[in-house]
Protein backbone atom coordinates (compact mmCIF):
# COMPACT_ATOMS: atom_id res chain seq x y z
CA MET A 1 -6.82 5.24 -48.72
CA LYS A 2 -8.99 8.26 -48.16
CA HIS A 3 -11.14 5.63 -46.03
CA ILE A 4 -8.44 5.21 -43.87
CA PHE A 5 -7.41 8.91 -43.87
CA ASN A 6 -11.23 10.07 -42.65
CA LEU A 7 -10.97 7.19 -39.84
CA LEU A 8 -7.81 8.78 -38.68
CA TYR A 9 -9.27 12.35 -38.65
CA ILE A 10 -12.26 11.29 -36.88
CA LYS A 11 -10.56 9.23 -34.12
CA SER A 12 -8.35 12.72 -33.59
CA LEU A 13 -11.55 14.77 -33.23
CA LEU A 14 -12.60 12.35 -30.73
CA LEU A 15 -9.85 12.61 -28.82
CA LEU A 16 -9.70 16.09 -28.73
CA ALA A 17 -13.06 16.39 -27.74
CA SER A 18 -12.59 13.76 -24.82
CA LEU A 19 -9.52 15.89 -23.63
CA THR A 20 -11.54 19.19 -23.72
CA MET A 21 -14.19 17.44 -21.69
CA CYS A 22 -11.98 16.39 -18.97
CA ALA A 23 -10.21 19.72 -18.77
CA SER A 24 -13.92 21.55 -18.49
CA VAL A 25 -14.97 19.07 -15.68
CA MET A 26 -12.06 19.74 -13.29
CA ALA A 27 -11.96 23.40 -14.18
CA ASN A 28 -15.64 23.72 -13.01
CA ASP A 29 -14.63 21.70 -10.44
CA ALA A 30 -11.84 23.81 -9.27
CA GLU A 31 -14.30 26.99 -9.28
CA ALA A 32 -16.87 25.44 -7.30
CA PRO A 33 -15.36 22.74 -5.05
CA ILE A 34 -17.69 20.09 -4.01
CA GLY A 35 -16.59 20.61 -0.34
CA ALA A 36 -18.12 23.99 -0.40
CA GLN A 37 -22.14 22.81 -0.76
CA GLN A 38 -23.72 21.85 2.22
CA ASN A 39 -25.65 18.65 2.40
CA THR A 40 -28.98 18.86 3.20
CA GLU A 41 -29.67 15.33 4.22
CA ASN A 42 -29.27 13.91 7.45
CA SER A 43 -25.66 12.07 7.96
CA ALA A 44 -24.25 10.21 10.64
CA SER A 45 -20.86 10.77 9.59
CA SER A 46 -20.62 13.96 7.87
CA SER A 47 -22.30 17.22 6.84
CA THR A 48 -20.40 17.84 3.64
CA LYS A 49 -19.81 16.49 0.54
CA PRO A 50 -16.39 15.20 0.25
CA PRO A 51 -14.13 17.57 -1.73
CA ILE A 52 -11.98 16.86 -4.61
CA GLY A 53 -9.03 17.73 -2.14
CA ASN A 54 -5.30 19.38 -3.05
CA GLN A 55 -5.95 21.36 -6.18
CA ASP A 56 -2.04 21.70 -6.68
CA ALA A 57 -1.71 17.64 -6.55
CA LYS A 58 -4.81 17.28 -8.91
CA GLY A 59 -4.66 19.82 -11.41
CA SER A 60 -2.90 17.99 -14.02
CA LEU A 61 -4.36 16.41 -17.06
CA LYS A 62 -1.20 13.90 -16.83
CA ASN A 63 -2.98 12.47 -13.62
CA PRO A 64 -5.46 9.73 -14.49
CA ASN A 65 -6.65 9.58 -10.96
CA SER A 66 -7.45 13.19 -11.03
CA MET A 67 -9.46 12.97 -14.07
CA LEU A 68 -11.51 9.82 -12.58
CA VAL A 69 -12.02 11.68 -9.36
CA ALA A 70 -13.25 15.00 -11.03
CA MET A 71 -15.27 13.45 -13.70
CA ALA A 72 -17.12 11.07 -10.83
CA PHE A 73 -18.00 14.27 -8.86
CA LYS A 74 -19.09 16.31 -11.92
CA PHE A 75 -21.21 12.97 -12.97
CA LYS A 76 -22.53 12.64 -9.11
CA ASN A 77 -23.52 16.48 -8.75
CA SER A 78 -24.73 17.59 -12.41
CA ASP A 79 -28.10 18.78 -12.83
CA GLY A 80 -30.17 16.89 -15.06
CA THR A 81 -27.89 13.89 -15.07
CA PRO A 82 -29.33 10.53 -13.45
CA ARG A 83 -27.25 10.05 -10.13
CA ASP A 84 -25.84 6.66 -11.06
CA TYR A 85 -23.91 6.07 -7.94
CA ALA A 86 -22.83 2.78 -8.90
CA GLU A 87 -20.52 4.49 -11.94
CA VAL A 88 -19.44 6.81 -9.25
CA ALA A 89 -18.36 4.20 -6.63
CA ALA A 90 -16.64 2.30 -9.71
CA ASN A 91 -14.49 5.41 -10.82
CA TYR A 92 -13.61 6.17 -7.10
CA CYS A 93 -12.57 2.55 -6.49
CA ARG A 94 -10.53 2.50 -9.57
CA ALA A 95 -8.65 5.46 -8.35
CA ALA A 96 -8.50 4.38 -4.64
CA ARG A 97 -6.59 0.98 -5.80
CA SER A 98 -3.85 3.15 -7.19
CA GLY A 99 -3.30 4.65 -4.03
CA ASP A 100 -5.51 7.82 -4.59
CA ALA A 101 -6.00 9.40 -1.18
CA ASP A 102 -8.61 11.69 -2.59
CA ALA A 103 -10.78 8.80 -4.11
CA GLN A 104 -10.40 6.59 -0.75
CA TYR A 105 -11.92 9.32 1.09
CA ALA A 106 -14.60 9.83 -1.37
CA LEU A 107 -15.62 6.31 -1.41
CA GLY A 108 -15.29 6.03 2.50
CA TRP A 109 -17.72 8.80 2.72
CA MET A 110 -20.29 7.05 0.31
CA TYR A 111 -20.21 4.26 2.58
CA ALA A 112 -20.44 6.05 5.67
CA ASN A 113 -23.40 8.15 4.23
CA GLY A 114 -25.18 5.21 2.72
CA ARG A 115 -24.89 7.08 -0.99
CA GLY A 116 -25.51 4.65 -3.96
CA VAL A 117 -23.99 1.82 -1.49
CA SER A 118 -25.22 0.05 1.70
CA GLN A 119 -24.33 2.02 4.42
CA ASP A 120 -21.14 0.55 6.13
CA GLU A 121 -19.00 2.36 8.61
CA LYS A 122 -16.73 -0.68 8.69
CA ILE A 123 -15.91 -0.38 5.12
CA ALA A 124 -15.76 3.34 5.60
CA ALA A 125 -13.14 3.14 8.47
CA GLN A 126 -11.06 0.96 6.20
CA LEU A 127 -11.17 3.44 3.29
CA PHE A 128 -10.74 6.34 5.71
CA THR A 129 -7.67 4.96 7.34
CA MET A 130 -6.00 4.27 3.79
CA ALA A 131 -6.54 7.91 3.07
CA ALA A 132 -5.56 9.02 6.49
CA GLU A 133 -2.11 7.27 6.44
CA GLN A 134 -1.34 9.30 3.42
CA GLY A 135 -2.07 12.49 5.32
CA HIS A 136 -5.42 13.30 4.23
CA ALA A 137 -7.04 15.56 6.65
CA LEU A 138 -10.65 15.23 6.14
CA ALA A 139 -10.26 11.63 6.52
CA GLN A 140 -8.40 12.11 9.94
CA GLU A 141 -11.40 14.17 11.01
CA SER A 142 -13.81 11.52 9.58
CA LEU A 143 -12.35 8.73 11.42
CA THR A 144 -12.59 10.54 14.85
CA LYS A 145 -16.50 10.68 14.19
CA ILE A 146 -16.71 6.94 13.62
CA SER A 147 -14.03 6.20 16.52
CA GLY A 148 -14.16 2.63 17.90
CA THR A 149 -15.39 1.23 14.41
CA SER A 150 -12.99 -1.34 13.46
CA PRO A 151 -11.95 -1.35 9.87
CA GLN A 152 -13.33 -4.19 7.52
CA ALA A 153 -11.10 -6.89 6.29
CA PRO A 154 -10.33 -8.38 3.84
CA LEU A 155 -10.64 -5.38 1.57
CA LEU A 156 -13.34 -4.52 -0.88
CA ALA A 157 -13.13 -6.65 -3.93
CA CYS A 158 -12.39 -3.64 -6.20
CA LEU A 159 -9.45 -2.68 -4.18
CA LEU A 160 -7.99 -6.13 -4.72
CA PRO A 161 -4.99 -6.51 -7.47
CA ASP A 162 -5.96 -7.89 -10.74
CA PRO A 163 -5.31 -11.90 -11.12
CA PRO A 164 -2.16 -12.70 -12.81
CA ALA A 165 -1.85 -12.82 -16.44
CA PRO A 166 -1.75 -16.36 -18.06
CA VAL A 167 1.67 -17.70 -18.45
CA ALA A 168 2.80 -19.61 -21.72
CA SER A 169 5.86 -21.63 -20.60
CA LEU A 170 6.52 -23.99 -17.77
CA SER A 171 9.12 -21.86 -16.59
CA ASN A 172 6.86 -18.85 -16.02
CA VAL A 173 4.26 -21.49 -14.80
CA GLU A 174 6.84 -22.38 -12.05
CA THR A 175 7.84 -18.88 -11.47
CA ALA A 176 4.44 -17.77 -10.79
CA GLN A 177 3.55 -20.84 -8.50
CA ASN A 178 6.71 -19.75 -6.42
CA GLU A 179 5.11 -16.27 -6.30
CA ARG A 180 2.06 -17.09 -5.33
CA LYS A 181 3.66 -19.79 -2.37
CA ALA A 182 5.41 -16.62 -0.93
CA ILE A 183 2.26 -14.75 -0.27
CA SER A 184 -1.67 -15.18 0.22
CA ASP A 185 -4.15 -13.37 -1.95
CA LYS A 186 -4.99 -11.50 1.41
CA THR A 187 -1.48 -10.67 2.09
CA ALA A 188 -1.20 -9.30 -1.33
CA ALA A 189 -4.16 -7.16 -0.78
CA LEU A 190 -2.72 -5.93 2.28
CA PHE A 191 0.48 -4.91 0.72
CA TYR A 192 -1.48 -3.53 -2.23
CA SER A 193 -3.67 -1.01 0.10
CA GLN A 194 -0.20 0.33 0.91
CA ALA A 195 0.38 1.83 -2.54
CA HIS A 196 2.61 4.56 -1.53
CA ILE A 197 4.91 2.34 0.91
CA LEU A 198 5.06 -0.77 -1.82
CA LYS A 199 6.13 1.72 -4.47
CA LEU A 200 8.97 2.73 -2.11
CA VAL A 201 9.68 -1.10 -1.42
CA ASN A 202 9.13 -2.01 -4.80
CA LYS A 203 11.91 0.68 -5.92
CA LEU A 204 14.46 0.08 -3.35
CA ALA A 205 14.64 -3.85 -2.45
CA PRO A 206 15.94 -4.98 -5.83
CA ARG A 207 19.47 -3.03 -4.99
CA TYR A 208 19.62 -4.80 -1.77
CA ASN A 209 18.60 -8.30 -3.58
CA ILE A 210 15.52 -8.23 -0.77
CA ASP A 211 11.85 -9.79 -1.91
CA SER A 212 9.51 -6.85 -1.60
CA ASN A 213 7.03 -9.33 -0.04
CA LEU A 214 9.59 -10.23 2.57
CA ALA A 215 10.24 -6.53 3.14
CA MET A 216 6.79 -5.58 3.00
CA ALA A 217 5.95 -8.43 5.68
CA PHE A 218 8.80 -6.81 8.02
CA ILE A 219 7.19 -3.46 7.51
CA ALA A 220 3.53 -4.85 8.67
CA VAL A 221 4.62 -6.66 11.38
CA GLU A 222 7.15 -3.66 13.10
CA SER A 223 5.14 -0.78 12.52
CA GLY A 224 1.77 -1.49 10.78
CA PHE A 225 2.77 0.81 7.94
CA ASN A 226 3.27 4.00 10.23
CA VAL A 227 6.18 5.89 9.43
CA GLN A 228 5.86 7.55 12.61
CA ALA A 229 5.63 4.41 14.73
CA THR A 230 8.06 4.78 18.35
CA SER A 231 8.40 1.79 20.20
CA PRO A 232 9.00 1.71 24.25
CA LYS A 233 12.45 0.64 23.39
CA ASN A 234 12.97 3.54 20.91
CA ALA A 235 12.54 1.60 18.05
CA GLN A 236 11.29 4.13 15.04
CA GLY A 237 9.67 4.31 11.61
CA LEU A 238 8.34 1.95 9.05
CA MET A 239 10.92 -0.83 10.01
CA GLN A 240 11.25 0.15 13.66
CA LEU A 241 15.14 0.80 13.44
CA ILE A 242 16.72 1.42 16.77
CA PRO A 243 18.95 4.24 17.02
CA GLU A 244 22.54 1.82 17.27
CA THR A 245 21.02 -0.13 14.21
CA ALA A 246 20.17 3.17 12.38
CA LYS A 247 23.49 4.38 12.85
CA ARG A 248 25.21 0.93 12.02
CA PHE A 249 23.42 1.19 8.43
CA GLY A 250 23.97 5.09 7.78
CA VAL A 251 20.13 5.83 8.28
CA LYS A 252 20.25 9.85 9.12
CA ASP A 253 16.24 10.11 9.53
CA ALA A 254 14.62 7.20 11.03
CA TYR A 255 11.17 8.79 10.67
CA LYS A 256 11.81 9.36 6.79
CA ALA A 257 10.32 6.42 4.92
CA GLU A 258 12.71 5.94 2.30
CA ASP A 259 15.73 6.35 4.70
CA ASN A 260 14.26 3.89 6.96
CA ILE A 261 13.42 1.32 4.44
CA LYS A 262 17.01 1.67 3.16
CA GLY A 263 18.63 0.80 6.78
CA GLY A 264 16.04 -1.88 7.40
CA LEU A 265 16.76 -3.42 4.02
CA ALA A 266 20.59 -3.38 4.44
CA TYR A 267 20.13 -4.90 7.89
CA LEU A 268 17.77 -7.75 6.28
CA ARG A 269 20.39 -8.17 3.81
CA TRP A 270 23.15 -8.55 6.51
CA LEU A 271 20.98 -11.02 8.37
CA LEU A 272 20.08 -13.27 5.41
CA ALA A 273 23.61 -13.60 4.57
CA TYR A 274 24.70 -14.36 8.25
CA PHE A 275 22.07 -16.92 8.64
CA LYS A 276 22.15 -18.35 4.99
CA GLY A 277 18.75 -17.32 3.86
CA ASP A 278 16.72 -18.83 6.75
CA VAL A 279 14.10 -16.55 7.13
CA GLN A 280 12.62 -17.99 10.70
CA LEU A 281 16.23 -17.18 12.00
CA VAL A 282 16.14 -13.84 10.35
CA ALA A 283 13.15 -12.91 11.80
CA ALA A 284 14.03 -13.93 15.25
CA ALA A 285 17.46 -11.82 15.11
CA TYR A 286 15.83 -8.81 13.74
CA ASN A 287 13.27 -8.84 16.60
CA ALA A 288 15.48 -9.98 19.32
CA GLY A 289 18.98 -9.62 18.15
CA GLU A 290 21.68 -12.06 16.79
CA ALA A 291 23.40 -12.75 19.97
CA ALA A 292 20.09 -13.94 21.45
CA VAL A 293 19.57 -16.47 18.39
CA GLU A 294 23.18 -17.54 18.93
CA LYS A 295 22.61 -18.03 22.55
CA HIS A 296 19.44 -20.13 22.28
CA LYS A 297 20.70 -22.06 19.27
CA GLY A 298 17.60 -20.94 17.15
CA VAL A 299 14.57 -18.92 18.04
CA PRO A 300 14.76 -17.70 21.58
CA PRO A 301 12.42 -19.00 24.17
CA TYR A 302 10.77 -15.35 24.26
CA ALA A 303 6.77 -15.01 23.73
CA GLU A 304 7.00 -11.87 21.93
CA THR A 305 9.96 -13.35 19.72
CA GLN A 306 7.99 -16.73 19.25
CA GLN A 307 4.84 -14.55 18.22
CA TYR A 308 6.93 -11.91 15.86
CA VAL A 309 8.46 -15.09 13.84
CA LYS A 310 5.01 -16.61 13.30
CA LYS A 311 3.76 -13.25 12.20
CA ILE A 312 6.47 -13.01 9.64
CA ALA A 313 5.91 -16.74 8.33
CA LYS A 314 1.91 -16.30 8.09
CA LEU A 315 2.97 -13.18 5.72
CA TYR A 316 5.47 -14.79 4.13
CA ASN A 317 5.04 -18.37 3.46
CA ASN A 318 8.59 -19.24 2.19
CA SER A 319 11.27 -20.89 4.87
CA THR A 320 14.35 -19.46 2.78
CA HIS A 321 15.29 -16.45 1.00
CA PRO A 322 18.38 -15.91 -1.53
CA TYR A 323 21.23 -14.08 0.27
CA GLN A 324 24.57 -12.75 -0.76
CA ASP A 325 27.29 -15.13 -0.29
CA ASN A 326 30.78 -13.43 1.54
CA LEU A 327 29.00 -10.69 2.27
CA VAL A 328 29.85 -11.53 6.01
CA LYS A 329 31.12 -14.63 8.11
CA THR A 330 28.00 -17.18 8.51
CA SER A 331 27.06 -17.72 11.90
CA PRO A 332 28.33 -20.45 13.81
CA LEU A 333 25.04 -21.81 14.37
CA LEU A 334 24.90 -22.92 10.68
CA ASN A 335 27.20 -25.17 8.68
CA SER A 336 27.27 -24.80 4.65
CA ALA A 337 25.21 -27.42 3.82
CA ASN A 338 22.36 -27.14 1.75
CA LYS A 339 22.01 -23.38 1.71
CA ARG A 340 21.01 -21.67 -1.15
CA THR A 341 23.05 -18.62 -2.30
CA MET A 342 22.59 -15.89 -5.07
């Protein structure tokens, strides 16, 4: 019993020491931000070391990403410590994968300047773009310095989601196979890279009985995840709602991500019920309108709409989706035979 008590006491001391070290690391970094130090080495993309970023957002020990970023910066710049850039990059990538804009920017800086990794402006552009889409000012500035460089695809391996956990029962195996069919690994990586939007979609989509992957596919094709996107026809925001559709589904601000997604999900739910879960017809109607689909008795012969339908199908592989029965009168284009309901 005494031995067990001693072990618990030692573990408590180690935990206290670890938290104290992390707090000290971030306190030192807050007093002397890395971005204030001048880089004496020549660089094609930046003349300063990447700063930790918004201290108001990063100052809490409850934020594991802030700890990773702060500890990585401290390790990289501490006097007398070997500059193990591989470990620094690994820490950045762990935080970047979960959507931390500072970590995305910092890792992009390493690739832009060839610090501990092979210099690669395509990878840098990819990471700067991810951070810039979250409003990271330095990432936006860095993108202008490498303008004309196309981001690399697919994502860095360290940014990809973890493989699915092993499943034990036949029903779970079938579920996993159905989910795998719904989107490819490449598509999953694309959605995962938009962590801030995916988080909103995962929260809202179940309320409308919509598969998050289907909603993300429409957002990707409609706006490329650009909250402020506006089309020549005045379609607005992430899911490109025209003013009439926004009004129809009670959207007050189409440029506010959550409001826009709610309106788009409500419209998708309506279309899925109207076309009895036929994803191809839903995609065609979302692009060209229900009337055009009715008129042409299927996907309209418009080049834009046909390309649009193919893009949705490439991201979301399932041809059908569960729908809410009795939500709306079924399209006369369809009969009730062999259609899946919720």
